[in-house]
Amino acid sequence: MIRKQLTEFSLEDGTKFLAEVDEPENSNALVRVARPDTGQMVVEAKKRFDEVLDQIQPVASAIITKLSQLNTPADEVEVKFGIKLNAGVGAIFTSVGGEANYEITLKWKQNKA
């Protein structure tokens, strides 16, 4: 059974927020801290949240770039992917539904002459 834990992420401006994440197998490598407002013990993330998002941006850009290079580019592109936050490594791409890591929808509008 996967156990959940609260992890404290911070933003570039110092703002902090909590996210529920799966407890890592090696929890000894993480720093547990007490939140001053509640005294509750949480894990402190090793990366800021904006650094975690920096891991995602190149993947999303590569998908959009490749899809825009289709012989007949779609009028609309929708890409769905799941992201799991991890206190140690940041972001992990997870399945959206079933076993797929990415769900891509391309739409072409019919030209009306």
Protein backbone atom coordinates (compact mmCIF):
# COMPACT_ATOMS: atom_id res chain seq x y z
CA MET A 1 0.00 0.00 0.00
CA ILE A 2 1.33 3.43 -0.95
CA ARG A 3 1.43 5.81 1.97
CA LYS A 4 0.86 9.53 1.49
CA GLN A 5 2.69 12.35 3.22
CA LEU A 6 2.55 16.11 3.22
CA THR A 7 5.41 17.83 1.43
CA GLU A 8 6.21 21.51 1.67
CA PHE A 9 7.11 23.13 -1.66
CA SER A 10 8.26 26.71 -2.04
CA LEU A 11 7.99 29.20 -4.89
CA GLU A 12 10.72 31.49 -6.16
CA ASP A 13 9.30 34.37 -4.08
CA GLY A 14 9.52 32.28 -0.89
CA THR A 15 5.81 31.42 -0.72
CA LYS A 16 5.34 27.92 0.70
CA PHE A 17 2.47 25.47 0.18
CA LEU A 18 1.70 21.86 1.02
CA ALA A 19 1.02 19.04 -1.42
CA GLU A 20 0.13 15.44 -0.68
CA VAL A 21 2.63 13.09 -2.33
CA ASP A 22 3.47 9.40 -2.16
CA GLU A 23 5.95 8.62 0.59
CA PRO A 24 9.30 7.77 -1.03
CA GLU A 25 10.88 4.38 -0.44
CA ASN A 26 13.98 5.98 1.06
CA SER A 27 12.50 8.61 3.36
CA ASN A 28 15.82 8.90 5.23
CA ALA A 29 17.15 11.13 2.43
CA LEU A 30 14.47 13.76 3.03
CA VAL A 31 14.35 16.44 5.70
CA ARG A 32 11.33 16.43 7.99
CA VAL A 33 10.38 19.85 9.29
CA ALA A 34 7.72 21.12 11.68
CA ARG A 35 5.36 23.76 10.37
CA PRO A 36 5.50 26.68 12.80
CA ASP A 37 1.79 27.45 12.46
CA THR A 38 0.59 23.93 13.30
CA GLY A 39 3.59 22.02 14.61
CA GLN A 40 2.71 19.28 12.11
CA MET A 41 5.66 17.36 10.68
CA VAL A 42 6.02 17.52 6.90
CA VAL A 43 8.75 16.69 4.38
CA GLU A 44 10.57 19.61 2.80
CA ALA A 45 10.87 19.29 -0.99
CA LYS A 46 14.40 19.39 -2.38
CA LYS A 47 13.36 21.59 -5.32
CA ARG A 48 11.24 24.73 -5.52
CA PHE A 49 7.91 24.25 -7.27
CA ASP A 50 8.92 26.49 -10.19
CA GLU A 51 12.03 24.31 -10.63
CA VAL A 52 9.75 21.27 -10.77
CA LEU A 53 7.70 22.95 -13.51
CA ASP A 54 10.95 23.69 -15.39
CA GLN A 55 11.28 19.90 -15.78
CA ILE A 56 7.90 19.74 -17.54
CA GLN A 57 8.26 22.67 -19.94
CA PRO A 58 10.74 21.06 -22.39
CA VAL A 59 8.55 17.96 -22.72
CA ALA A 60 5.42 20.01 -23.43
CA SER A 61 7.33 22.20 -25.90
CA ALA A 62 8.71 19.17 -27.75
CA ILE A 63 5.24 17.68 -28.13
CA ILE A 64 3.76 20.93 -29.47
CA THR A 65 6.74 21.51 -31.82
CA LYS A 66 6.45 18.03 -33.34
CA LEU A 67 2.68 18.25 -33.74
CA SER A 68 2.93 21.65 -35.44
CA GLN A 69 5.23 20.05 -38.04
CA LEU A 70 2.49 17.74 -39.34
CA ASN A 71 1.88 17.94 -43.11
CA THR A 72 -1.54 19.35 -42.28
CA PRO A 73 -1.20 21.01 -38.87
CA ALA A 74 -4.25 20.76 -36.67
CA ASP A 75 -6.32 23.86 -35.92
CA GLU A 76 -6.52 22.81 -32.28
CA VAL A 77 -4.18 20.68 -30.22
CA GLU A 78 -4.95 19.36 -26.76
CA VAL A 79 -2.31 17.47 -24.81
CA LYS A 80 -3.10 15.89 -21.45
CA PHE A 81 -0.52 14.35 -19.20
CA GLY A 82 -0.47 13.52 -15.55
CA ILE A 83 2.18 14.88 -13.23
CA LYS A 84 2.97 13.40 -9.86
CA LEU A 85 4.87 15.56 -7.41
CA ASN A 86 7.75 13.90 -5.61
CA ALA A 87 9.58 15.45 -2.66
CA GLY A 88 12.95 14.16 -3.82
CA VAL A 89 13.03 14.33 -7.61
CA GLY A 90 10.35 16.92 -8.38
CA ALA A 91 7.89 15.91 -11.09
CA ILE A 92 7.16 12.52 -12.58
CA PHE A 93 4.95 12.06 -15.63
CA THR A 94 2.19 9.61 -14.80
CA SER A 95 -0.53 7.90 -16.77
CA VAL A 96 -3.61 9.93 -17.65
CA GLY A 97 -5.96 7.00 -18.10
CA GLY A 98 -5.17 3.33 -18.45
CA GLU A 99 -1.53 2.94 -19.40
CA ALA A 100 -1.08 6.06 -21.54
CA ASN A 101 1.32 8.74 -20.33
CA TYR A 102 0.03 11.29 -22.84
CA GLU A 103 -3.38 11.83 -24.35
CA ILE A 104 -3.27 13.94 -27.51
CA THR A 105 -6.33 15.29 -29.35
CA LEU A 106 -5.94 16.96 -32.75
CA LYS A 107 -8.84 18.85 -34.35
CA TRP A 108 -9.15 20.17 -37.87
CA LYS A 109 -11.90 22.65 -38.75
CA GLN A 110 -13.59 22.06 -42.06
CA ASN A 111 -13.02 25.00 -44.44
CA LYS A 112 -16.27 26.52 -45.65
CA ALA A 113 -15.97 27.81 -49.16
